[in-house]
Amino acid sequence: MGRTLLYGLLFLLSISSLAQKKVPILTEIVTDNAKIFTESELDVLRTKLYQFESETTNQLVIFTINELGNETIEQYALNVFNQNKLGQAGKDNGILILFSKLDREVRIEVGYGLESYITDAVASRIIRNTMIPKFKEEDYFSGLDLATDQIIKFLLDPGALEEFKEEMDSEEAAPWWLYGVIGLFLMVFVAAGGFVFYKGYSTFLEILRGMFIGKLAIFRGVFMALFMGMPVIFGLVFMGMPLFFMGLLFGLEDQMNAMVEDLTWIFWGLILFILTTIALVIVKIKRKGDEEIKVSFFKSDKDYMSKTFSSTGTHSFGSGSGSSSSGGFSGGGGSSGGGGASGSW
């Protein structure tokens, strides 16, 4: 039995190793495995790109294939880029243009050292406006020739690159009235989230107050508080969504990414929320004057429960009618890190 299992594992490993595709090793600055170029076109591209490399040390490489197989073009391009170590060690100044004929996809993969120049947005714009129109006409050489001309120009002439970026920004800028529409839309989210949060949080505070003055049993109150935590969280999320969209709208991706990477602000926000909630409960108790702080673990005041949490009673925090205590509450070398852009036609 043990030998059979061992043979089975070895068989599976051999199948897995055979299934793994070898990453192509590039020996030319333009490798045309898809056979989309004529010999003269290959000579034109290779001469231009070798000259660019000799003048700047930047490596701009073209690799054409018939199909990607089971990989995405992003993963395929990244593997080819890093396996062939495009660009110079320490500079990471390589760029790979991967063209897949049958998949009708193309990608510009950019090394770390050039990502500040050929940004994702710039690469995407070159693909959309320069490559794709030519590819739709099956004029693959012109599309790649013009795209390499643009990339070379941008890397040699910072002024041309800045002008190109300004042109992109002006074309992508939304009209003023659209900001007003978006603002109204976001205000609806804030208002809805604020209403849900207020209703849930008011009831949540009342539950804590009831436990602190001994009129709501701790055992029962904990379950009620956990249940009411859902609309509180839901309301906070609704109010926070506009901040997320505003961050995207005003180009604050870096700050938002920093917040995702460092979550200590959630810890401090939770601490502030707990302290504020305790303070509000104590203030509410003090305002009543005649209520002492005490706890009851299992016994609740029936009169208090019916007046405060029944469907006919009035919420003592002024948030409107609550739900029945028996039915619950309502509410709810060179290397690349993957920079670049992809496109299809």
C-alpha atoms as a PDB file:
ATOM      1  CA  MET A   1       0.000   0.000   0.000  1.00  0.00           C
ATOM      2  CA  GLY A   2       2.779   2.391   0.957  1.00  0.00           C
ATOM      3  CA  ARG A   3       4.745   1.628  -2.220  1.00  0.00           C
ATOM      4  CA  THR A   4       1.647   2.184  -4.354  1.00  0.00           C
ATOM      5  CA  LEU A   5       1.064   5.554  -2.703  1.00  0.00           C
ATOM      6  CA  LEU A   6       4.694   6.528  -3.284  1.00  0.00           C
ATOM      7  CA  TYR A   7       4.511   5.605  -6.975  1.00  0.00           C
ATOM      8  CA  GLY A   8       1.288   7.564  -7.289  1.00  0.00           C
ATOM      9  CA  LEU A   9       2.891  10.671  -5.794  1.00  0.00           C
ATOM     10  CA  LEU A  10       5.902  10.344  -8.093  1.00  0.00           C
ATOM     11  CA  PHE A  11       3.588   9.999 -11.072  1.00  0.00           C
ATOM     12  CA  LEU A  12       1.668  13.145 -10.109  1.00  0.00           C
ATOM     13  CA  LEU A  13       4.918  15.061  -9.627  1.00  0.00           C
ATOM     14  CA  SER A  14       6.159  13.987 -13.046  1.00  0.00           C
ATOM     15  CA  ILE A  15       2.858  15.060 -14.631  1.00  0.00           C
ATOM     16  CA  SER A  16       3.099  18.423 -12.835  1.00  0.00           C
ATOM     17  CA  SER A  17       6.671  19.010 -13.970  1.00  0.00           C
ATOM     18  CA  LEU A  18       5.776  18.187 -17.557  1.00  0.00           C
ATOM     19  CA  ALA A  19       2.773  20.529 -17.404  1.00  0.00           C
ATOM     20  CA  GLN A  20       4.919  23.460 -16.336  1.00  0.00           C
ATOM     21  CA  LYS A  21       5.868  25.573 -19.319  1.00  0.00           C
ATOM     22  CA  LYS A  22       9.401  26.761 -19.685  1.00  0.00           C
ATOM     23  CA  VAL A  23       9.798  30.517 -19.797  1.00  0.00           C
ATOM     24  CA  PRO A  24      11.150  31.504 -23.243  1.00  0.00           C
ATOM     25  CA  ILE A  25      14.743  32.706 -23.328  1.00  0.00           C
ATOM     26  CA  LEU A  26      15.086  35.750 -25.582  1.00  0.00           C
ATOM     27  CA  THR A  27      18.209  35.986 -27.732  1.00  0.00           C
ATOM     28  CA  GLU A  28      17.177  38.991 -29.846  1.00  0.00           C
ATOM     29  CA  ILE A  29      15.848  42.397 -28.939  1.00  0.00           C
ATOM     30  CA  VAL A  30      12.921  41.583 -31.255  1.00  0.00           C
ATOM     31  CA  THR A  31      11.769  37.953 -31.139  1.00  0.00           C
ATOM     32  CA  ASP A  32       8.977  37.220 -33.618  1.00  0.00           C
ATOM     33  CA  ASN A  33       7.623  33.769 -32.708  1.00  0.00           C
ATOM     34  CA  ALA A  34       4.191  34.729 -34.105  1.00  0.00           C
ATOM     35  CA  LYS A  35       5.716  35.476 -37.541  1.00  0.00           C
ATOM     36  CA  ILE A  36       3.936  38.826 -37.943  1.00  0.00           C
ATOM     37  CA  PHE A  37       6.917  40.726 -39.381  1.00  0.00           C
ATOM     38  CA  THR A  38       8.726  40.504 -42.697  1.00  0.00           C
ATOM     39  CA  GLU A  39      12.516  40.274 -42.668  1.00  0.00           C
ATOM     40  CA  SER A  40      12.832  43.945 -43.603  1.00  0.00           C
ATOM     41  CA  GLU A  41      10.445  44.945 -40.805  1.00  0.00           C
ATOM     42  CA  LEU A  42      12.465  42.883 -38.317  1.00  0.00           C
ATOM     43  CA  ASP A  43      15.644  44.634 -39.431  1.00  0.00           C
ATOM     44  CA  VAL A  44      14.035  48.078 -38.989  1.00  0.00           C
ATOM     45  CA  LEU A  45      12.840  47.317 -35.459  1.00  0.00           C
ATOM     46  CA  ARG A  46      16.047  45.612 -34.324  1.00  0.00           C
ATOM     47  CA  THR A  47      18.263  48.380 -35.675  1.00  0.00           C
ATOM     48  CA  LYS A  48      16.206  51.050 -33.935  1.00  0.00           C
ATOM     49  CA  LEU A  49      16.014  49.262 -30.584  1.00  0.00           C
ATOM     50  CA  TYR A  50      19.678  48.208 -30.492  1.00  0.00           C
ATOM     51  CA  GLN A  51      20.687  51.803 -31.256  1.00  0.00           C
ATOM     52  CA  PHE A  52      18.420  53.054 -28.449  1.00  0.00           C
ATOM     53  CA  GLU A  53      20.000  50.586 -26.037  1.00  0.00           C
ATOM     54  CA  SER A  54      23.542  51.550 -27.010  1.00  0.00           C
ATOM     55  CA  GLU A  55      22.785  55.261 -26.515  1.00  0.00           C
ATOM     56  CA  THR A  56      20.868  55.006 -23.219  1.00  0.00           C
ATOM     57  CA  THR A  57      21.394  51.453 -21.798  1.00  0.00           C
ATOM     58  CA  ASN A  58      17.584  51.195 -21.687  1.00  0.00           C
ATOM     59  CA  GLN A  59      16.360  47.904 -23.145  1.00  0.00           C
ATOM     60  CA  LEU A  60      13.130  48.090 -25.126  1.00  0.00           C
ATOM     61  CA  VAL A  61      12.267  44.526 -26.171  1.00  0.00           C
ATOM     62  CA  ILE A  62       9.504  43.159 -28.429  1.00  0.00           C
ATOM     63  CA  PHE A  63       8.342  39.555 -28.094  1.00  0.00           C
ATOM     64  CA  THR A  64       5.499  38.146 -30.207  1.00  0.00           C
ATOM     65  CA  ILE A  65       3.817  34.782 -29.566  1.00  0.00           C
ATOM     66  CA  ASN A  66       0.880  32.915 -31.051  1.00  0.00           C
ATOM     67  CA  GLU A  67      -1.011  32.306 -27.809  1.00  0.00           C
ATOM     68  CA  LEU A  68      -0.684  32.561 -24.039  1.00  0.00           C
ATOM     69  CA  GLY A  69      -2.049  29.143 -23.129  1.00  0.00           C
ATOM     70  CA  ASN A  70      -3.512  29.031 -19.625  1.00  0.00           C
ATOM     71  CA  GLU A  71      -1.654  32.115 -18.339  1.00  0.00           C
ATOM     72  CA  THR A  72      -2.828  35.701 -18.253  1.00  0.00           C
ATOM     73  CA  ILE A  73      -0.833  38.130 -20.333  1.00  0.00           C
ATOM     74  CA  GLU A  74       0.189  39.966 -17.143  1.00  0.00           C
ATOM     75  CA  GLN A  75       1.703  36.839 -15.562  1.00  0.00           C
ATOM     76  CA  TYR A  76       3.288  35.680 -18.837  1.00  0.00           C
ATOM     77  CA  ALA A  77       4.920  39.063 -19.432  1.00  0.00           C
ATOM     78  CA  LEU A  78       6.181  39.292 -15.841  1.00  0.00           C
ATOM     79  CA  ASN A  79       7.731  35.814 -16.034  1.00  0.00           C
ATOM     80  CA  VAL A  80       9.437  36.530 -19.368  1.00  0.00           C
ATOM     81  CA  PHE A  81      10.676  39.904 -18.119  1.00  0.00           C
ATOM     82  CA  ASN A  82      12.155  38.627 -14.860  1.00  0.00           C
ATOM     83  CA  GLN A  83      13.480  35.330 -16.251  1.00  0.00           C
ATOM     84  CA  ASN A  84      15.368  37.192 -18.980  1.00  0.00           C
ATOM     85  CA  LYS A  85      16.369  39.965 -16.549  1.00  0.00           C
ATOM     86  CA  LEU A  86      15.603  42.745 -18.990  1.00  0.00           C
ATOM     87  CA  GLY A  87      17.312  46.046 -18.306  1.00  0.00           C
ATOM     88  CA  GLN A  88      20.570  46.708 -16.489  1.00  0.00           C
ATOM     89  CA  ALA A  89      21.308  45.378 -13.008  1.00  0.00           C
ATOM     90  CA  GLY A  90      20.788  48.129 -10.470  1.00  0.00           C
ATOM     91  CA  LYS A  91      18.924  50.300 -12.970  1.00  0.00           C
ATOM     92  CA  ASP A  92      15.967  47.990 -13.779  1.00  0.00           C
ATOM     93  CA  ASN A  93      15.576  49.978 -16.996  1.00  0.00           C
ATOM     94  CA  GLY A  94      13.917  47.411 -19.224  1.00  0.00           C
ATOM     95  CA  ILE A  95      10.589  47.499 -21.067  1.00  0.00           C
ATOM     96  CA  LEU A  96       8.942  44.480 -22.674  1.00  0.00           C
ATOM     97  CA  ILE A  97       6.188  44.671 -25.276  1.00  0.00           C
ATOM     98  CA  LEU A  98       4.457  41.285 -25.369  1.00  0.00           C
ATOM     99  CA  PHE A  99       2.135  40.622 -28.321  1.00  0.00           C
ATOM    100  CA  SER A 100      -0.164  37.561 -28.444  1.00  0.00           C
ATOM    101  CA  LYS A 101      -1.662  37.104 -31.909  1.00  0.00           C
ATOM    102  CA  LEU A 102      -4.446  34.537 -31.347  1.00  0.00           C
ATOM    103  CA  ASP A 103      -5.431  35.971 -27.973  1.00  0.00           C
ATOM    104  CA  ARG A 104      -5.534  39.453 -29.532  1.00  0.00           C
ATOM    105  CA  GLU A 105      -3.822  40.906 -26.459  1.00  0.00           C
ATOM    106  CA  VAL A 106      -0.793  43.098 -25.930  1.00  0.00           C
ATOM    107  CA  ARG A 107       1.041  44.291 -22.828  1.00  0.00           C
ATOM    108  CA  ILE A 108       3.736  46.819 -22.018  1.00  0.00           C
ATOM    109  CA  GLU A 109       5.700  45.524 -19.003  1.00  0.00           C
ATOM    110  CA  VAL A 110       7.857  48.200 -17.381  1.00  0.00           C
ATOM    111  CA  GLY A 111      10.883  47.703 -15.119  1.00  0.00           C
ATOM    112  CA  TYR A 112      11.079  49.372 -11.721  1.00  0.00           C
ATOM    113  CA  GLY A 113      13.576  51.968 -12.902  1.00  0.00           C
ATOM    114  CA  LEU A 114      11.333  53.336 -15.656  1.00  0.00           C
ATOM    115  CA  GLU A 115       7.940  53.165 -13.918  1.00  0.00           C
ATOM    116  CA  SER A 116       8.102  56.865 -13.020  1.00  0.00           C
ATOM    117  CA  TYR A 117       8.392  57.700 -16.740  1.00  0.00           C
ATOM    118  CA  ILE A 118       6.275  55.086 -18.507  1.00  0.00           C
ATOM    119  CA  THR A 119       3.547  54.955 -15.900  1.00  0.00           C
ATOM    120  CA  ASP A 120       0.604  52.570 -16.066  1.00  0.00           C
ATOM    121  CA  ALA A 121      -1.525  55.410 -17.431  1.00  0.00           C
ATOM    122  CA  VAL A 122       1.020  56.313 -20.123  1.00  0.00           C
ATOM    123  CA  ALA A 123       1.424  52.673 -21.157  1.00  0.00           C
ATOM    124  CA  SER A 124      -2.337  52.190 -21.288  1.00  0.00           C
ATOM    125  CA  ARG A 125      -2.740  55.307 -23.432  1.00  0.00           C
ATOM    126  CA  ILE A 126      -0.073  54.123 -25.900  1.00  0.00           C
ATOM    127  CA  ILE A 127      -1.823  50.762 -26.191  1.00  0.00           C
ATOM    128  CA  ARG A 128      -5.290  52.258 -26.684  1.00  0.00           C
ATOM    129  CA  ASN A 129      -4.449  55.122 -29.018  1.00  0.00           C
ATOM    130  CA  THR A 130      -1.414  53.882 -30.936  1.00  0.00           C
ATOM    131  CA  MET A 131      -1.381  50.078 -30.990  1.00  0.00           C
ATOM    132  CA  ILE A 132      -5.013  48.937 -30.957  1.00  0.00           C
ATOM    133  CA  PRO A 133      -6.224  50.996 -33.982  1.00  0.00           C
ATOM    134  CA  LYS A 134      -3.440  49.513 -36.107  1.00  0.00           C
ATOM    135  CA  PHE A 135      -3.911  46.011 -34.728  1.00  0.00           C
ATOM    136  CA  LYS A 136      -7.602  46.090 -35.688  1.00  0.00           C
ATOM    137  CA  GLU A 137      -6.452  46.636 -39.265  1.00  0.00           C
ATOM    138  CA  GLU A 138      -3.964  43.738 -38.840  1.00  0.00           C
ATOM    139  CA  ASP A 139      -1.148  46.225 -39.397  1.00  0.00           C
ATOM    140  CA  TYR A 140       0.888  44.833 -36.523  1.00  0.00           C
ATOM    141  CA  PHE A 141       4.219  46.263 -37.620  1.00  0.00           C
ATOM    142  CA  SER A 142       2.944  49.860 -37.751  1.00  0.00           C
ATOM    143  CA  GLY A 143       1.299  49.553 -34.352  1.00  0.00           C
ATOM    144  CA  LEU A 144       4.469  48.285 -32.665  1.00  0.00           C
ATOM    145  CA  ASP A 145       6.783  50.558 -34.652  1.00  0.00           C
ATOM    146  CA  LEU A 146       4.834  53.685 -33.711  1.00  0.00           C
ATOM    147  CA  ALA A 147       4.532  52.560 -30.072  1.00  0.00           C
ATOM    148  CA  THR A 148       8.285  52.056 -29.748  1.00  0.00           C
ATOM    149  CA  ASP A 149       8.835  55.477 -31.347  1.00  0.00           C
ATOM    150  CA  GLN A 150       6.618  57.023 -28.663  1.00  0.00           C
ATOM    151  CA  ILE A 151       8.329  55.225 -25.785  1.00  0.00           C
ATOM    152  CA  ILE A 152      11.785  56.178 -27.079  1.00  0.00           C
ATOM    153  CA  LYS A 153      10.705  59.809 -27.497  1.00  0.00           C
ATOM    154  CA  PHE A 154       9.278  59.983 -23.972  1.00  0.00           C
ATOM    155  CA  LEU A 155      12.431  58.508 -22.420  1.00  0.00           C
ATOM    156  CA  LEU A 156      14.729  60.840 -24.387  1.00  0.00           C
ATOM    157  CA  ASP A 157      12.615  63.995 -24.108  1.00  0.00           C
ATOM    158  CA  PRO A 158      11.119  64.652 -20.622  1.00  0.00           C
ATOM    159  CA  GLY A 159       9.313  67.712 -22.011  1.00  0.00           C
ATOM    160  CA  ALA A 160       7.434  65.600 -24.549  1.00  0.00           C
ATOM    161  CA  LEU A 161       6.481  63.162 -21.800  1.00  0.00           C
ATOM    162  CA  GLU A 162       5.147  65.946 -19.558  1.00  0.00           C
ATOM    163  CA  GLU A 163       3.169  67.397 -22.471  1.00  0.00           C
ATOM    164  CA  PHE A 164       1.714  63.948 -23.127  1.00  0.00           C
ATOM    165  CA  LYS A 165       0.717  63.554 -19.462  1.00  0.00           C
ATOM    166  CA  GLU A 166      -0.873  67.022 -19.406  1.00  0.00           C
ATOM    167  CA  GLU A 167      -2.839  66.131 -22.527  1.00  0.00           C
ATOM    168  CA  MET A 168      -4.058  62.962 -20.820  1.00  0.00           C
ATOM    169  CA  ASP A 169      -5.090  64.877 -17.714  1.00  0.00           C
ATOM    170  CA  SER A 170      -6.999  67.494 -19.711  1.00  0.00           C
ATOM    171  CA  GLU A 171      -8.881  64.868 -21.709  1.00  0.00           C
ATOM    172  CA  GLU A 172      -9.682  62.769 -18.665  1.00  0.00           C
ATOM    173  CA  ALA A 173     -10.762  65.710 -16.491  1.00  0.00           C
ATOM    174  CA  ALA A 174     -14.485  65.553 -15.726  1.00  0.00           C
ATOM    175  CA  PRO A 175     -16.735  68.614 -16.372  1.00  0.00           C
ATOM    176  CA  TRP A 176     -17.596  70.767 -13.348  1.00  0.00           C
ATOM    177  CA  TRP A 177     -21.253  69.750 -13.324  1.00  0.00           C
ATOM    178  CA  LEU A 178     -20.273  66.078 -13.010  1.00  0.00           C
ATOM    179  CA  TYR A 179     -18.563  66.837  -9.717  1.00  0.00           C
ATOM    180  CA  GLY A 180     -21.848  68.332  -8.490  1.00  0.00           C
ATOM    181  CA  VAL A 181     -23.781  65.215  -9.484  1.00  0.00           C
ATOM    182  CA  ILE A 182     -21.198  62.987  -7.812  1.00  0.00           C
ATOM    183  CA  GLY A 183     -21.319  65.201  -4.714  1.00  0.00           C
ATOM    184  CA  LEU A 184     -25.107  64.857  -4.458  1.00  0.00           C
ATOM    185  CA  PHE A 185     -24.831  61.112  -4.949  1.00  0.00           C
ATOM    186  CA  LEU A 186     -22.237  60.835  -2.188  1.00  0.00           C
ATOM    187  CA  MET A 187     -24.367  63.005   0.115  1.00  0.00           C
ATOM    188  CA  VAL A 188     -27.184  60.468  -0.273  1.00  0.00           C
ATOM    189  CA  PHE A 189     -24.798  57.774   0.932  1.00  0.00           C
ATOM    190  CA  VAL A 190     -23.708  59.922   3.875  1.00  0.00           C
ATOM    191  CA  ALA A 191     -27.307  60.760   4.815  1.00  0.00           C
ATOM    192  CA  ALA A 192     -28.469  57.133   4.581  1.00  0.00           C
ATOM    193  CA  GLY A 193     -25.447  55.884   6.492  1.00  0.00           C
ATOM    194  CA  GLY A 194     -25.821  58.623   9.097  1.00  0.00           C
ATOM    195  CA  PHE A 195     -29.481  57.787   9.692  1.00  0.00           C
ATOM    196  CA  VAL A 196     -28.787  54.049  10.063  1.00  0.00           C
ATOM    197  CA  PHE A 197     -25.807  54.765  12.325  1.00  0.00           C
ATOM    198  CA  TYR A 198     -27.785  57.174  14.520  1.00  0.00           C
ATOM    199  CA  LYS A 199     -30.673  54.747  14.991  1.00  0.00           C
ATOM    200  CA  GLY A 200     -28.402  51.806  15.723  1.00  0.00           C
ATOM    201  CA  TYR A 201     -25.952  53.719  17.906  1.00  0.00           C
ATOM    202  CA  SER A 202     -28.701  55.324  19.978  1.00  0.00           C
ATOM    203  CA  THR A 203     -30.171  51.920  20.753  1.00  0.00           C
ATOM    204  CA  PHE A 204     -26.681  50.563  21.395  1.00  0.00           C
ATOM    205  CA  LEU A 205     -26.045  53.312  23.964  1.00  0.00           C
ATOM    206  CA  GLU A 206     -29.371  52.621  25.646  1.00  0.00           C
ATOM    207  CA  ILE A 207     -28.530  48.926  25.921  1.00  0.00           C
ATOM    208  CA  LEU A 208     -25.232  49.771  27.630  1.00  0.00           C
ATOM    209  CA  ARG A 209     -26.954  52.263  29.929  1.00  0.00           C
ATOM    210  CA  GLY A 210     -29.535  49.643  30.889  1.00  0.00           C
ATOM    211  CA  MET A 211     -26.772  47.211  31.818  1.00  0.00           C
ATOM    212  CA  PHE A 212     -24.876  49.865  33.819  1.00  0.00           C
ATOM    213  CA  ILE A 213     -27.912  50.768  35.956  1.00  0.00           C
ATOM    214  CA  GLY A 214     -28.925  47.139  36.533  1.00  0.00           C
ATOM    215  CA  LYS A 215     -32.227  47.261  34.639  1.00  0.00           C
ATOM    216  CA  LEU A 216     -31.010  45.137  31.747  1.00  0.00           C
ATOM    217  CA  ALA A 217     -29.350  41.810  32.574  1.00  0.00           C
ATOM    218  CA  ILE A 218     -25.727  41.576  31.466  1.00  0.00           C
ATOM    219  CA  PHE A 219     -26.289  38.168  29.860  1.00  0.00           C
ATOM    220  CA  ARG A 220     -29.195  39.437  27.789  1.00  0.00           C
ATOM    221  CA  GLY A 221     -27.690  42.855  27.111  1.00  0.00           C
ATOM    222  CA  VAL A 222     -24.491  41.487  25.602  1.00  0.00           C
ATOM    223  CA  PHE A 223     -26.433  39.612  22.924  1.00  0.00           C
ATOM    224  CA  MET A 224     -28.591  42.668  22.258  1.00  0.00           C
ATOM    225  CA  ALA A 225     -25.495  44.885  21.956  1.00  0.00           C
ATOM    226  CA  LEU A 226     -23.820  42.474  19.544  1.00  0.00           C
ATOM    227  CA  PHE A 227     -26.957  42.405  17.398  1.00  0.00           C
ATOM    228  CA  MET A 228     -27.212  46.198  17.341  1.00  0.00           C
ATOM    229  CA  GLY A 229     -23.552  46.434  16.384  1.00  0.00           C
ATOM    230  CA  MET A 230     -24.494  45.371  12.837  1.00  0.00           C
ATOM    231  CA  PRO A 231     -26.445  48.520  11.870  1.00  0.00           C
ATOM    232  CA  VAL A 232     -23.763  50.632  13.565  1.00  0.00           C
ATOM    233  CA  ILE A 233     -21.058  49.056  11.377  1.00  0.00           C
ATOM    234  CA  PHE A 234     -23.319  49.203   8.319  1.00  0.00           C
ATOM    235  CA  GLY A 235     -23.909  52.925   8.877  1.00  0.00           C
ATOM    236  CA  LEU A 236     -20.192  53.598   9.300  1.00  0.00           C
ATOM    237  CA  VAL A 237     -19.414  51.762   6.055  1.00  0.00           C
ATOM    238  CA  PHE A 238     -22.070  53.762   4.202  1.00  0.00           C
ATOM    239  CA  MET A 239     -20.650  57.020   5.538  1.00  0.00           C
ATOM    240  CA  GLY A 240     -17.103  55.929   4.730  1.00  0.00           C
ATOM    241  CA  MET A 241     -17.796  54.955   1.111  1.00  0.00           C
ATOM    242  CA  PRO A 242     -17.890  58.591  -0.090  1.00  0.00           C
ATOM    243  CA  LEU A 243     -14.425  59.120   1.379  1.00  0.00           C
ATOM    244  CA  PHE A 244     -13.177  56.167  -0.673  1.00  0.00           C
ATOM    245  CA  PHE A 245     -14.685  57.518  -3.895  1.00  0.00           C
ATOM    246  CA  MET A 246     -13.400  61.015  -3.175  1.00  0.00           C
ATOM    247  CA  GLY A 247      -9.916  59.577  -2.693  1.00  0.00           C
ATOM    248  CA  LEU A 248     -10.085  57.964  -6.126  1.00  0.00           C
ATOM    249  CA  LEU A 249     -11.585  61.102  -7.668  1.00  0.00           C
ATOM    250  CA  PHE A 250      -8.859  63.411  -6.378  1.00  0.00           C
ATOM    251  CA  GLY A 251      -5.939  61.040  -7.026  1.00  0.00           C
ATOM    252  CA  LEU A 252      -5.180  60.011  -3.446  1.00  0.00           C
ATOM    253  CA  GLU A 253      -4.382  56.389  -4.332  1.00  0.00           C
ATOM    254  CA  ASP A 254      -0.975  56.540  -2.614  1.00  0.00           C
ATOM    255  CA  GLN A 255      -2.472  57.704   0.681  1.00  0.00           C
ATOM    256  CA  MET A 256      -5.204  55.072   0.467  1.00  0.00           C
ATOM    257  CA  ASN A 257      -2.659  52.342  -0.255  1.00  0.00           C
ATOM    258  CA  ALA A 258      -0.638  53.484   2.754  1.00  0.00           C
ATOM    259  CA  MET A 259      -3.727  53.140   4.950  1.00  0.00           C
ATOM    260  CA  VAL A 260      -4.317  49.616   3.632  1.00  0.00           C
ATOM    261  CA  GLU A 261      -0.710  48.636   4.339  1.00  0.00           C
ATOM    262  CA  ASP A 262      -0.686  50.149   7.842  1.00  0.00           C
ATOM    263  CA  LEU A 263      -3.873  49.277   9.733  1.00  0.00           C
ATOM    264  CA  THR A 264      -2.874  50.776  13.085  1.00  0.00           C
ATOM    265  CA  TRP A 265      -5.407  53.586  12.469  1.00  0.00           C
ATOM    266  CA  ILE A 266      -8.189  50.988  12.838  1.00  0.00           C
ATOM    267  CA  PHE A 267      -6.882  50.054  16.298  1.00  0.00           C
ATOM    268  CA  TRP A 268      -6.747  53.656  17.467  1.00  0.00           C
ATOM    269  CA  GLY A 269     -10.131  54.385  15.909  1.00  0.00           C
ATOM    270  CA  LEU A 270     -11.633  51.447  17.805  1.00  0.00           C
ATOM    271  CA  ILE A 271     -10.100  52.658  21.068  1.00  0.00           C
ATOM    272  CA  LEU A 272     -11.518  56.151  20.486  1.00  0.00           C
ATOM    273  CA  PHE A 273     -14.938  54.674  19.667  1.00  0.00           C
ATOM    274  CA  ILE A 274     -15.001  52.606  22.875  1.00  0.00           C
ATOM    275  CA  LEU A 275     -13.888  55.504  25.083  1.00  0.00           C
ATOM    276  CA  THR A 276     -16.399  57.875  23.489  1.00  0.00           C
ATOM    277  CA  THR A 277     -19.211  55.355  23.916  1.00  0.00           C
ATOM    278  CA  ILE A 278     -18.405  54.799  27.603  1.00  0.00           C
ATOM    279  CA  ALA A 279     -18.243  58.555  28.170  1.00  0.00           C
ATOM    280  CA  LEU A 280     -21.661  59.095  26.528  1.00  0.00           C
ATOM    281  CA  VAL A 281     -23.225  56.326  28.623  1.00  0.00           C
ATOM    282  CA  ILE A 282     -21.842  57.825  31.840  1.00  0.00           C
ATOM    283  CA  VAL A 283     -23.088  61.300  30.857  1.00  0.00           C
ATOM    284  CA  LYS A 284     -26.547  59.873  30.199  1.00  0.00           C
ATOM    285  CA  ILE A 285     -26.598  58.146  33.579  1.00  0.00           C
ATOM    286  CA  LYS A 286     -25.478  61.301  35.378  1.00  0.00           C
ATOM    287  CA  ARG A 287     -28.169  63.369  33.680  1.00  0.00           C
ATOM    288  CA  LYS A 288     -30.845  61.049  35.096  1.00  0.00           C
ATOM    289  CA  GLY A 289     -29.535  61.693  38.592  1.00  0.00           C
ATOM    290  CA  ASP A 290     -31.601  59.107  40.400  1.00  0.00           C
ATOM    291  CA  GLU A 291     -29.950  56.034  38.901  1.00  0.00           C
ATOM    292  CA  GLU A 292     -26.997  54.338  40.563  1.00  0.00           C
ATOM    293  CA  ILE A 293     -24.417  52.346  38.685  1.00  0.00           C
ATOM    294  CA  LYS A 294     -24.993  48.669  39.378  1.00  0.00           C
ATOM    295  CA  VAL A 295     -25.254  45.470  37.385  1.00  0.00           C
ATOM    296  CA  SER A 296     -27.539  42.470  37.202  1.00  0.00           C
ATOM    297  CA  PHE A 297     -26.307  39.351  35.467  1.00  0.00           C
ATOM    298  CA  PHE A 298     -29.560  37.478  34.799  1.00  0.00           C
ATOM    299  CA  LYS A 299     -32.563  39.537  35.908  1.00  0.00           C
ATOM    300  CA  SER A 300     -33.977  42.428  33.846  1.00  0.00           C
ATOM    301  CA  ASP A 301     -36.520  45.061  34.906  1.00  0.00           C
ATOM    302  CA  LYS A 302     -39.682  44.078  32.982  1.00  0.00           C
ATOM    303  CA  ASP A 303     -41.195  47.555  33.238  1.00  0.00           C
ATOM    304  CA  TYR A 304     -38.006  49.157  31.915  1.00  0.00           C
ATOM    305  CA  MET A 305     -37.769  46.626  29.077  1.00  0.00           C
ATOM    306  CA  SER A 306     -41.360  47.115  27.948  1.00  0.00           C
ATOM    307  CA  LYS A 307     -41.127  50.912  27.982  1.00  0.00           C
ATOM    308  CA  THR A 308     -37.686  51.159  26.376  1.00  0.00           C
ATOM    309  CA  PHE A 309     -37.457  48.333  23.857  1.00  0.00           C
ATOM    310  CA  SER A 310     -41.055  47.333  23.107  1.00  0.00           C
ATOM    311  CA  SER A 311     -42.638  48.215  19.753  1.00  0.00           C
ATOM    312  CA  THR A 312     -45.079  50.609  21.498  1.00  0.00           C
ATOM    313  CA  GLY A 313     -42.629  52.202  23.906  1.00  0.00           C
ATOM    314  CA  THR A 314     -40.622  55.347  23.236  1.00  0.00           C
ATOM    315  CA  HIS A 315     -36.831  55.138  23.080  1.00  0.00           C
ATOM    316  CA  SER A 316     -35.478  57.101  26.006  1.00  0.00           C
ATOM    317  CA  PHE A 317     -32.577  58.396  23.877  1.00  0.00           C
ATOM    318  CA  GLY A 318     -34.974  60.138  21.542  1.00  0.00           C
ATOM    319  CA  SER A 319     -34.254  57.980  18.477  1.00  0.00           C
ATOM    320  CA  GLY A 320     -37.838  56.861  17.909  1.00  0.00           C
ATOM    321  CA  SER A 321     -39.542  53.578  18.618  1.00  0.00           C
ATOM    322  CA  GLY A 322     -37.422  50.481  19.203  1.00  0.00           C
ATOM    323  CA  SER A 323     -38.196  46.848  18.428  1.00  0.00           C
ATOM    324  CA  SER A 324     -39.684  44.234  20.694  1.00  0.00           C
ATOM    325  CA  SER A 325     -37.319  42.725  23.233  1.00  0.00           C
ATOM    326  CA  SER A 326     -38.690  39.277  22.457  1.00  0.00           C
ATOM    327  CA  GLY A 327     -38.333  39.634  18.690  1.00  0.00           C
ATOM    328  CA  GLY A 328     -34.901  41.330  18.461  1.00  0.00           C
ATOM    329  CA  PHE A 329     -34.009  44.638  16.841  1.00  0.00           C
ATOM    330  CA  SER A 330     -34.405  45.827  13.232  1.00  0.00           C
ATOM    331  CA  GLY A 331     -31.446  47.037  11.077  1.00  0.00           C
ATOM    332  CA  GLY A 332     -28.652  45.848   9.009  1.00  0.00           C
ATOM    333  CA  GLY A 333      19.085  41.968 -12.753  1.00  0.00           C
ATOM    334  CA  GLY A 334      16.524  44.025 -13.998  1.00  0.00           C
ATOM    335  CA  SER A 335      13.189  43.227 -12.618  1.00  0.00           C
ATOM    336  CA  SER A 336       9.606  44.296 -12.836  1.00  0.00           C
ATOM    337  CA  GLY A 337       7.011  44.384 -10.109  1.00  0.00           C
ATOM    338  CA  GLY A 338       4.116  44.170 -12.534  1.00  0.00           C
ATOM    339  CA  GLY A 339       3.963  47.804 -13.606  1.00  0.00           C
ATOM    340  CA  GLY A 340       2.539  48.538 -17.025  1.00  0.00           C
ATOM    341  CA  ALA A 341      -0.722  48.080 -18.876  1.00  0.00           C
ATOM    342  CA  SER A 342      -2.550  45.551 -21.026  1.00  0.00           C
ATOM    343  CA  GLY A 343      -5.055  45.831 -23.853  1.00  0.00           C
ATOM    344  CA  SER A 344      -7.070  43.718 -26.273  1.00  0.00           C
ATOM    345  CA  TRP A 345      -8.682  44.304 -29.655  1.00  0.00           C
END
